[in-house]
Amino acid sequence: MHTGVLALVGSGEYTLKMLEIEKTLIQTGMNSGKTGPYVQFATAAGLESESRLNYWKELGATQAEKLGIPSKFIEVFNREDAENTRWLKEIEGASLIYFSGGNPKHLADTLHGTALWKKIVHEFSTGSSLAGCSAGAMFMAQKIAFPIHFKNMEDGLNLIPNLVVLPHFDRYFSRIPTFMQKFIFQDDKAETVIGIDENTALIYDNNAWRVEGSGSVHIVAGARKESLSVNQRIESGIISKPAY
């Protein structure tokens, strides 16, 4: 057994543009002996309407069908749901566990310190692929930053220490030339900031980070600033390894 592949995605979960990346994540999980379903969490949208939650359920199921794999939609939308031990068995052996978008603080608050989160990390540490898109990527970092109030950060679940993730980077932030420079935090617990473009993933596999998809990943680490595109690897030590 070995650690699964981790994907931080800027946007595009369950869409045709990300189909091949999701296919690779599932196959990698299966190659590690995790032959279970494509497990989908819409927890970050838990404060939204029932119709919105159904949207995520149907979108994920459609993507799984295209991939030829069973899917399992985990109905954890709040803290009470997360503490229901029935879900521990539901995610066991998943080939891919995927968190879609919404509110990253709600997602982190819902899962923080739960047996469910510990089980997710265990599945990842023993071979399941793990992915998060937009809010689903943000909450895995040490800190969650809301760009309008970027000095007031919330705690993420710290699967990737010393990191802040900004999804949808090309859509929202690339037009602001000094934006990333403003994200050079004095707090040494959150010193590396990554901006992930839409339909783009930053993937951790075989002890290294690399970029996949149609856009770029933008990094600020202290005085270092760089942008990397598809198949480029990130120099060791710039972004922390997952902690589990």
C-alpha atoms as a PDB file:
ATOM      1  CA  MET A   1       0.000   0.000   0.000  1.00  0.00           C
ATOM      2  CA  HIS A   2       1.129   3.558  -0.627  1.00  0.00           C
ATOM      3  CA  THR A   3      -0.194   7.098  -0.631  1.00  0.00           C
ATOM      4  CA  GLY A   4      -2.712   7.916  -3.317  1.00  0.00           C
ATOM      5  CA  VAL A   5      -2.583  10.753  -5.817  1.00  0.00           C
ATOM      6  CA  LEU A   6      -3.812  14.176  -4.684  1.00  0.00           C
ATOM      7  CA  ALA A   7      -5.310  16.737  -7.089  1.00  0.00           C
ATOM      8  CA  LEU A   8      -6.029  20.400  -6.313  1.00  0.00           C
ATOM      9  CA  VAL A   9      -8.260  21.686  -9.108  1.00  0.00           C
ATOM     10  CA  GLY A  10      -9.003  25.286 -10.105  1.00  0.00           C
ATOM     11  CA  SER A  11     -12.429  24.524 -11.626  1.00  0.00           C
ATOM     12  CA  GLY A  12     -14.238  22.019 -13.838  1.00  0.00           C
ATOM     13  CA  GLU A  13     -15.084  19.091 -11.603  1.00  0.00           C
ATOM     14  CA  TYR A  14     -17.252  16.456 -13.315  1.00  0.00           C
ATOM     15  CA  THR A  15     -17.002  18.134 -16.757  1.00  0.00           C
ATOM     16  CA  LEU A  16     -15.677  16.947 -20.108  1.00  0.00           C
ATOM     17  CA  LYS A  17     -12.650  19.228 -19.780  1.00  0.00           C
ATOM     18  CA  MET A  18     -11.521  17.363 -16.690  1.00  0.00           C
ATOM     19  CA  LEU A  19     -12.621  13.874 -17.761  1.00  0.00           C
ATOM     20  CA  GLU A  20      -9.152  12.576 -18.591  1.00  0.00           C
ATOM     21  CA  ILE A  21      -7.650  13.861 -15.349  1.00  0.00           C
ATOM     22  CA  GLU A  22     -10.418  12.216 -13.328  1.00  0.00           C
ATOM     23  CA  LYS A  23      -9.963   9.020 -15.340  1.00  0.00           C
ATOM     24  CA  THR A  24      -6.271   8.975 -14.463  1.00  0.00           C
ATOM     25  CA  LEU A  25      -6.986   9.583 -10.776  1.00  0.00           C
ATOM     26  CA  ILE A  26      -9.454   6.682 -10.699  1.00  0.00           C
ATOM     27  CA  GLN A  27      -7.092   4.370 -12.538  1.00  0.00           C
ATOM     28  CA  THR A  28      -4.253   5.239 -10.174  1.00  0.00           C
ATOM     29  CA  GLY A  29      -6.443   4.441  -7.184  1.00  0.00           C
ATOM     30  CA  MET A  30      -7.411   1.118  -8.731  1.00  0.00           C
ATOM     31  CA  ASN A  31      -3.778   0.304  -9.453  1.00  0.00           C
ATOM     32  CA  SER A  32      -3.159   0.775  -5.726  1.00  0.00           C
ATOM     33  CA  GLY A  33      -5.778  -1.830  -4.907  1.00  0.00           C
ATOM     34  CA  LYS A  34      -8.618   0.628  -4.283  1.00  0.00           C
ATOM     35  CA  THR A  35     -11.296  -0.781  -6.553  1.00  0.00           C
ATOM     36  CA  GLY A  36     -14.287   0.934  -4.955  1.00  0.00           C
ATOM     37  CA  PRO A  37     -16.545   3.614  -6.468  1.00  0.00           C
ATOM     38  CA  TYR A  38     -16.023   7.245  -7.409  1.00  0.00           C
ATOM     39  CA  VAL A  39     -17.023   8.880  -4.093  1.00  0.00           C
ATOM     40  CA  GLN A  40     -18.408  12.410  -4.367  1.00  0.00           C
ATOM     41  CA  PHE A  41     -18.826  15.010  -1.620  1.00  0.00           C
ATOM     42  CA  ALA A  42     -20.879  18.165  -2.220  1.00  0.00           C
ATOM     43  CA  THR A  43     -20.380  19.242   1.402  1.00  0.00           C
ATOM     44  CA  ALA A  44     -19.065  22.668   0.408  1.00  0.00           C
ATOM     45  CA  ALA A  45     -22.505  23.415  -1.081  1.00  0.00           C
ATOM     46  CA  GLY A  46     -24.258  22.294   2.082  1.00  0.00           C
ATOM     47  CA  LEU A  47     -25.600  25.794   2.808  1.00  0.00           C
ATOM     48  CA  GLU A  48     -27.161  26.033  -0.645  1.00  0.00           C
ATOM     49  CA  SER A  49     -30.554  24.871  -1.935  1.00  0.00           C
ATOM     50  CA  GLU A  50     -31.708  21.306  -2.415  1.00  0.00           C
ATOM     51  CA  SER A  51     -31.809  21.892  -6.164  1.00  0.00           C
ATOM     52  CA  ARG A  52     -28.151  22.921  -6.086  1.00  0.00           C
ATOM     53  CA  LEU A  53     -27.199  19.792  -4.174  1.00  0.00           C
ATOM     54  CA  ASN A  54     -29.127  17.714  -6.704  1.00  0.00           C
ATOM     55  CA  TYR A  55     -27.203  19.486  -9.465  1.00  0.00           C
ATOM     56  CA  TRP A  56     -23.911  18.231  -8.006  1.00  0.00           C
ATOM     57  CA  LYS A  57     -25.315  14.754  -7.496  1.00  0.00           C
ATOM     58  CA  GLU A  58     -26.516  14.472 -11.096  1.00  0.00           C
ATOM     59  CA  LEU A  59     -23.378  16.055 -12.566  1.00  0.00           C
ATOM     60  CA  GLY A  60     -21.136  13.657 -10.660  1.00  0.00           C
ATOM     61  CA  ALA A  61     -23.235  10.630 -11.558  1.00  0.00           C
ATOM     62  CA  THR A  62     -23.135  11.582 -15.245  1.00  0.00           C
ATOM     63  CA  GLN A  63     -19.351  11.924 -15.147  1.00  0.00           C
ATOM     64  CA  ALA A  64     -18.968   8.559 -13.424  1.00  0.00           C
ATOM     65  CA  GLU A  65     -21.153   6.960 -16.064  1.00  0.00           C
ATOM     66  CA  LYS A  66     -18.900   8.372 -18.799  1.00  0.00           C
ATOM     67  CA  LEU A  67     -15.932   6.944 -16.952  1.00  0.00           C
ATOM     68  CA  GLY A  68     -17.598   3.567 -16.628  1.00  0.00           C
ATOM     69  CA  ILE A  69     -17.395   3.402 -12.849  1.00  0.00           C
ATOM     70  CA  PRO A  70     -20.066   3.337 -10.117  1.00  0.00           C
ATOM     71  CA  SER A  71     -20.449   6.558  -8.150  1.00  0.00           C
ATOM     72  CA  LYS A  72     -21.492   7.157  -4.562  1.00  0.00           C
ATOM     73  CA  PHE A  73     -22.872  10.540  -3.510  1.00  0.00           C
ATOM     74  CA  ILE A  74     -22.162  11.125   0.176  1.00  0.00           C
ATOM     75  CA  GLU A  75     -24.959  13.133   1.796  1.00  0.00           C
ATOM     76  CA  VAL A  76     -22.820  15.034   4.289  1.00  0.00           C
ATOM     77  CA  PHE A  77     -23.935  18.651   4.230  1.00  0.00           C
ATOM     78  CA  ASN A  78     -23.412  19.755   7.835  1.00  0.00           C
ATOM     79  CA  ARG A  79     -21.677  18.796  11.057  1.00  0.00           C
ATOM     80  CA  GLU A  80     -24.454  16.490  12.202  1.00  0.00           C
ATOM     81  CA  ASP A  81     -24.247  14.573   8.922  1.00  0.00           C
ATOM     82  CA  ALA A  82     -20.463  14.309   9.207  1.00  0.00           C
ATOM     83  CA  GLU A  83     -20.677  12.709  12.653  1.00  0.00           C
ATOM     84  CA  ASN A  84     -22.917   9.892  11.396  1.00  0.00           C
ATOM     85  CA  THR A  85     -20.656   6.839  11.445  1.00  0.00           C
ATOM     86  CA  ARG A  86     -22.518   5.183   8.550  1.00  0.00           C
ATOM     87  CA  TRP A  87     -20.364   7.155   6.100  1.00  0.00           C
ATOM     88  CA  LEU A  88     -17.143   5.524   7.274  1.00  0.00           C
ATOM     89  CA  LYS A  89     -18.071   2.275   5.578  1.00  0.00           C
ATOM     90  CA  GLU A  90     -19.457   4.053   2.507  1.00  0.00           C
ATOM     91  CA  ILE A  91     -16.089   5.563   1.532  1.00  0.00           C
ATOM     92  CA  GLU A  92     -13.953   2.534   2.331  1.00  0.00           C
ATOM     93  CA  GLY A  93     -11.882   1.360  -0.621  1.00  0.00           C
ATOM     94  CA  ALA A  94     -12.876   4.268  -2.888  1.00  0.00           C
ATOM     95  CA  SER A  95     -10.814   4.611  -6.046  1.00  0.00           C
ATOM     96  CA  LEU A  96     -11.325   8.400  -5.953  1.00  0.00           C
ATOM     97  CA  ILE A  97     -12.734  10.703  -3.269  1.00  0.00           C
ATOM     98  CA  TYR A  98     -13.705  14.096  -4.712  1.00  0.00           C
ATOM     99  CA  PHE A  99     -14.829  17.334  -3.024  1.00  0.00           C
ATOM    100  CA  SER A 100     -16.686  19.744  -5.309  1.00  0.00           C
ATOM    101  CA  GLY A 101     -17.073  23.508  -4.909  1.00  0.00           C
ATOM    102  CA  GLY A 102     -18.984  25.886  -2.696  1.00  0.00           C
ATOM    103  CA  ASN A 103     -18.007  27.437   0.631  1.00  0.00           C
ATOM    104  CA  PRO A 104     -14.555  26.330   1.855  1.00  0.00           C
ATOM    105  CA  LYS A 105     -15.084  27.497   5.444  1.00  0.00           C
ATOM    106  CA  HIS A 106     -18.316  25.513   5.735  1.00  0.00           C
ATOM    107  CA  LEU A 107     -16.521  22.477   4.341  1.00  0.00           C
ATOM    108  CA  ALA A 108     -13.622  22.793   6.802  1.00  0.00           C
ATOM    109  CA  ASP A 109     -15.916  23.454   9.771  1.00  0.00           C
ATOM    110  CA  THR A 110     -18.079  20.449   8.870  1.00  0.00           C
ATOM    111  CA  LEU A 111     -15.230  17.938   8.711  1.00  0.00           C
ATOM    112  CA  HIS A 112     -12.702  19.309  11.214  1.00  0.00           C
ATOM    113  CA  GLY A 113     -11.793  16.733  13.851  1.00  0.00           C
ATOM    114  CA  THR A 114     -14.338  14.152  12.699  1.00  0.00           C
ATOM    115  CA  ALA A 115     -13.851  10.429  12.338  1.00  0.00           C
ATOM    116  CA  LEU A 116     -15.015  10.887   8.750  1.00  0.00           C
ATOM    117  CA  TRP A 117     -12.109  13.200   7.881  1.00  0.00           C
ATOM    118  CA  LYS A 118      -9.679  10.824   9.582  1.00  0.00           C
ATOM    119  CA  LYS A 119     -11.128   7.989   7.496  1.00  0.00           C
ATOM    120  CA  ILE A 120     -10.746  10.026   4.286  1.00  0.00           C
ATOM    121  CA  VAL A 121      -7.108  10.728   5.100  1.00  0.00           C
ATOM    122  CA  HIS A 122      -6.577   7.050   5.916  1.00  0.00           C
ATOM    123  CA  GLU A 123      -8.037   5.981   2.570  1.00  0.00           C
ATOM    124  CA  PHE A 124      -5.781   8.493   0.803  1.00  0.00           C
ATOM    125  CA  SER A 125      -2.720   7.360   2.761  1.00  0.00           C
ATOM    126  CA  THR A 126      -3.369   3.767   1.695  1.00  0.00           C
ATOM    127  CA  GLY A 127      -3.884   4.348  -2.028  1.00  0.00           C
ATOM    128  CA  SER A 128      -7.197   6.091  -2.784  1.00  0.00           C
ATOM    129  CA  SER A 129      -6.897   9.130  -5.018  1.00  0.00           C
ATOM    130  CA  LEU A 130      -8.147  12.355  -3.413  1.00  0.00           C
ATOM    131  CA  ALA A 131      -9.259  15.502  -5.229  1.00  0.00           C
ATOM    132  CA  GLY A 132     -10.801  18.850  -4.417  1.00  0.00           C
ATOM    133  CA  CYS A 133     -12.030  21.519  -6.788  1.00  0.00           C
ATOM    134  CA  SER A 134     -12.340  25.221  -5.917  1.00  0.00           C
ATOM    135  CA  ALA A 135     -13.554  25.193  -2.276  1.00  0.00           C
ATOM    136  CA  GLY A 136     -12.634  21.515  -2.220  1.00  0.00           C
ATOM    137  CA  ALA A 137      -9.033  22.460  -2.938  1.00  0.00           C
ATOM    138  CA  MET A 138      -8.972  25.457  -0.606  1.00  0.00           C
ATOM    139  CA  PHE A 139     -10.020  23.600   2.540  1.00  0.00           C
ATOM    140  CA  MET A 140      -7.195  21.045   2.264  1.00  0.00           C
ATOM    141  CA  ALA A 141      -4.553  23.750   2.745  1.00  0.00           C
ATOM    142  CA  GLN A 142      -3.392  25.138   6.074  1.00  0.00           C
ATOM    143  CA  LYS A 143      -5.193  28.438   5.597  1.00  0.00           C
ATOM    144  CA  ILE A 144      -8.284  29.525   3.673  1.00  0.00           C
ATOM    145  CA  ALA A 145      -8.049  33.013   2.190  1.00  0.00           C
ATOM    146  CA  PHE A 146     -10.997  35.071   1.010  1.00  0.00           C
ATOM    147  CA  PRO A 147      -9.466  37.509  -1.504  1.00  0.00           C
ATOM    148  CA  ILE A 148     -11.537  40.556  -0.558  1.00  0.00           C
ATOM    149  CA  HIS A 149     -10.343  40.187   3.029  1.00  0.00           C
ATOM    150  CA  PHE A 150      -7.095  38.373   2.428  1.00  0.00           C
ATOM    151  CA  LYS A 151      -5.577  39.415   5.758  1.00  0.00           C
ATOM    152  CA  ASN A 152      -8.328  37.596   7.655  1.00  0.00           C
ATOM    153  CA  MET A 153      -7.742  33.933   6.905  1.00  0.00           C
ATOM    154  CA  GLU A 154      -9.590  30.936   8.274  1.00  0.00           C
ATOM    155  CA  ASP A 155      -8.064  27.601   9.226  1.00  0.00           C
ATOM    156  CA  GLY A 156      -8.152  24.837   6.660  1.00  0.00           C
ATOM    157  CA  LEU A 157      -7.672  21.163   7.528  1.00  0.00           C
ATOM    158  CA  ASN A 158      -3.919  21.345   6.911  1.00  0.00           C
ATOM    159  CA  LEU A 159      -3.546  18.285   4.710  1.00  0.00           C
ATOM    160  CA  ILE A 160      -0.972  20.401   2.872  1.00  0.00           C
ATOM    161  CA  PRO A 161       0.919  22.495   5.444  1.00  0.00           C
ATOM    162  CA  ASN A 162       2.206  26.036   4.835  1.00  0.00           C
ATOM    163  CA  LEU A 163      -0.144  26.607   1.915  1.00  0.00           C
ATOM    164  CA  VAL A 164      -2.969  28.839   0.673  1.00  0.00           C
ATOM    165  CA  VAL A 165      -4.892  27.898  -2.505  1.00  0.00           C
ATOM    166  CA  LEU A 166      -6.613  30.406  -4.824  1.00  0.00           C
ATOM    167  CA  PRO A 167      -8.790  28.610  -7.433  1.00  0.00           C
ATOM    168  CA  HIS A 168     -10.270  30.167 -10.612  1.00  0.00           C
ATOM    169  CA  PHE A 169      -7.096  32.242 -10.733  1.00  0.00           C
ATOM    170  CA  ASP A 170      -7.175  33.215 -14.409  1.00  0.00           C
ATOM    171  CA  ARG A 171     -10.828  34.222 -14.186  1.00  0.00           C
ATOM    172  CA  TYR A 172     -10.701  36.370 -11.077  1.00  0.00           C
ATOM    173  CA  PHE A 173      -7.156  37.391 -10.214  1.00  0.00           C
ATOM    174  CA  SER A 174      -4.869  37.452 -13.240  1.00  0.00           C
ATOM    175  CA  ARG A 175      -6.094  40.907 -14.261  1.00  0.00           C
ATOM    176  CA  ILE A 176      -4.768  42.379 -11.022  1.00  0.00           C
ATOM    177  CA  PRO A 177      -1.005  42.670 -11.575  1.00  0.00           C
ATOM    178  CA  THR A 178      -0.054  43.072  -7.913  1.00  0.00           C
ATOM    179  CA  PHE A 179      -2.523  40.587  -6.476  1.00  0.00           C
ATOM    180  CA  MET A 180      -0.138  37.726  -5.815  1.00  0.00           C
ATOM    181  CA  GLN A 181       2.449  40.080  -4.367  1.00  0.00           C
ATOM    182  CA  LYS A 182      -0.127  41.135  -1.778  1.00  0.00           C
ATOM    183  CA  PHE A 183      -0.390  37.505  -0.757  1.00  0.00           C
ATOM    184  CA  ILE A 184       3.144  37.345   0.632  1.00  0.00           C
ATOM    185  CA  PHE A 185       2.074  36.787   4.223  1.00  0.00           C
ATOM    186  CA  GLN A 186       4.115  37.644   7.241  1.00  0.00           C
ATOM    187  CA  ASP A 187       2.760  34.550   8.983  1.00  0.00           C
ATOM    188  CA  ASP A 188       5.323  31.834   8.314  1.00  0.00           C
ATOM    189  CA  LYS A 189       2.616  29.200   8.770  1.00  0.00           C
ATOM    190  CA  ALA A 190       1.074  30.186   5.441  1.00  0.00           C
ATOM    191  CA  GLU A 191       3.965  31.416   3.373  1.00  0.00           C
ATOM    192  CA  THR A 192       3.319  29.666   0.051  1.00  0.00           C
ATOM    193  CA  VAL A 193       0.379  30.781  -2.087  1.00  0.00           C
ATOM    194  CA  ILE A 194      -0.723  29.031  -5.266  1.00  0.00           C
ATOM    195  CA  GLY A 195      -3.196  30.302  -7.817  1.00  0.00           C
ATOM    196  CA  ILE A 196      -4.724  27.533  -9.958  1.00  0.00           C
ATOM    197  CA  ASP A 197      -6.302  28.446 -13.293  1.00  0.00           C
ATOM    198  CA  GLU A 198      -9.669  27.072 -14.344  1.00  0.00           C
ATOM    199  CA  ASN A 199      -9.702  23.551 -15.846  1.00  0.00           C
ATOM    200  CA  THR A 200      -6.265  23.002 -14.366  1.00  0.00           C
ATOM    201  CA  ALA A 201      -4.994  20.712 -11.631  1.00  0.00           C
ATOM    202  CA  LEU A 202      -1.958  20.671  -9.395  1.00  0.00           C
ATOM    203  CA  ILE A 203      -1.253  16.983  -8.793  1.00  0.00           C
ATOM    204  CA  TYR A 204       0.882  15.294  -6.157  1.00  0.00           C
ATOM    205  CA  ASP A 205       2.164  11.901  -7.270  1.00  0.00           C
ATOM    206  CA  ASN A 206       5.363   9.941  -6.618  1.00  0.00           C
ATOM    207  CA  ASN A 207       6.632  12.512  -4.120  1.00  0.00           C
ATOM    208  CA  ALA A 208       6.389  15.412  -6.577  1.00  0.00           C
ATOM    209  CA  TRP A 209       3.923  18.102  -7.667  1.00  0.00           C
ATOM    210  CA  ARG A 210       3.101  18.652 -11.350  1.00  0.00           C
ATOM    211  CA  VAL A 211       0.617  20.659 -13.434  1.00  0.00           C
ATOM    212  CA  GLU A 212      -2.092  19.121 -15.630  1.00  0.00           C
ATOM    213  CA  GLY A 213      -4.882  20.688 -17.673  1.00  0.00           C
ATOM    214  CA  SER A 214      -5.274  23.687 -19.960  1.00  0.00           C
ATOM    215  CA  GLY A 215      -4.002  26.509 -17.749  1.00  0.00           C
ATOM    216  CA  SER A 216      -1.204  27.303 -15.337  1.00  0.00           C
ATOM    217  CA  VAL A 217      -0.390  27.218 -11.656  1.00  0.00           C
ATOM    218  CA  HIS A 218       1.031  30.435 -10.202  1.00  0.00           C
ATOM    219  CA  ILE A 219       3.240  30.326  -7.120  1.00  0.00           C
ATOM    220  CA  VAL A 220       4.391  32.908  -4.604  1.00  0.00           C
ATOM    221  CA  ALA A 221       6.803  31.558  -1.993  1.00  0.00           C
ATOM    222  CA  GLY A 222       8.580  34.382  -0.209  1.00  0.00           C
ATOM    223  CA  ALA A 223      10.308  36.448  -2.870  1.00  0.00           C
ATOM    224  CA  ARG A 224       9.951  33.670  -5.430  1.00  0.00           C
ATOM    225  CA  LYS A 225       7.251  34.047  -8.079  1.00  0.00           C
ATOM    226  CA  GLU A 226       6.671  31.715 -11.020  1.00  0.00           C
ATOM    227  CA  SER A 227       4.000  30.262 -13.287  1.00  0.00           C
ATOM    228  CA  LEU A 228       4.056  26.668 -14.495  1.00  0.00           C
ATOM    229  CA  SER A 229       1.978  24.959 -17.168  1.00  0.00           C
ATOM    230  CA  VAL A 230       1.073  21.431 -18.227  1.00  0.00           C
ATOM    231  CA  ASN A 231       3.526  18.644 -17.346  1.00  0.00           C
ATOM    232  CA  GLN A 232       5.901  21.001 -15.567  1.00  0.00           C
ATOM    233  CA  ARG A 233       7.041  19.841 -12.149  1.00  0.00           C
ATOM    234  CA  ILE A 234       7.472  22.037  -9.114  1.00  0.00           C
ATOM    235  CA  GLU A 235      10.844  22.094  -7.474  1.00  0.00           C
ATOM    236  CA  SER A 236      11.038  20.019  -4.321  1.00  0.00           C
ATOM    237  CA  GLY A 237      10.301  21.947  -1.145  1.00  0.00           C
ATOM    238  CA  ILE A 238       8.372  24.823  -2.698  1.00  0.00           C
ATOM    239  CA  ILE A 239       5.037  23.190  -1.827  1.00  0.00           C
ATOM    240  CA  SER A 240       4.821  20.891   1.179  1.00  0.00           C
ATOM    241  CA  LYS A 241       4.059  17.210   0.863  1.00  0.00           C
ATOM    242  CA  PRO A 242       0.662  16.088   2.162  1.00  0.00           C
ATOM    243  CA  ALA A 243       0.612  15.387   5.893  1.00  0.00           C
ATOM    244  CA  TYR A 244      -1.253  12.263   6.994  1.00  0.00           C
END
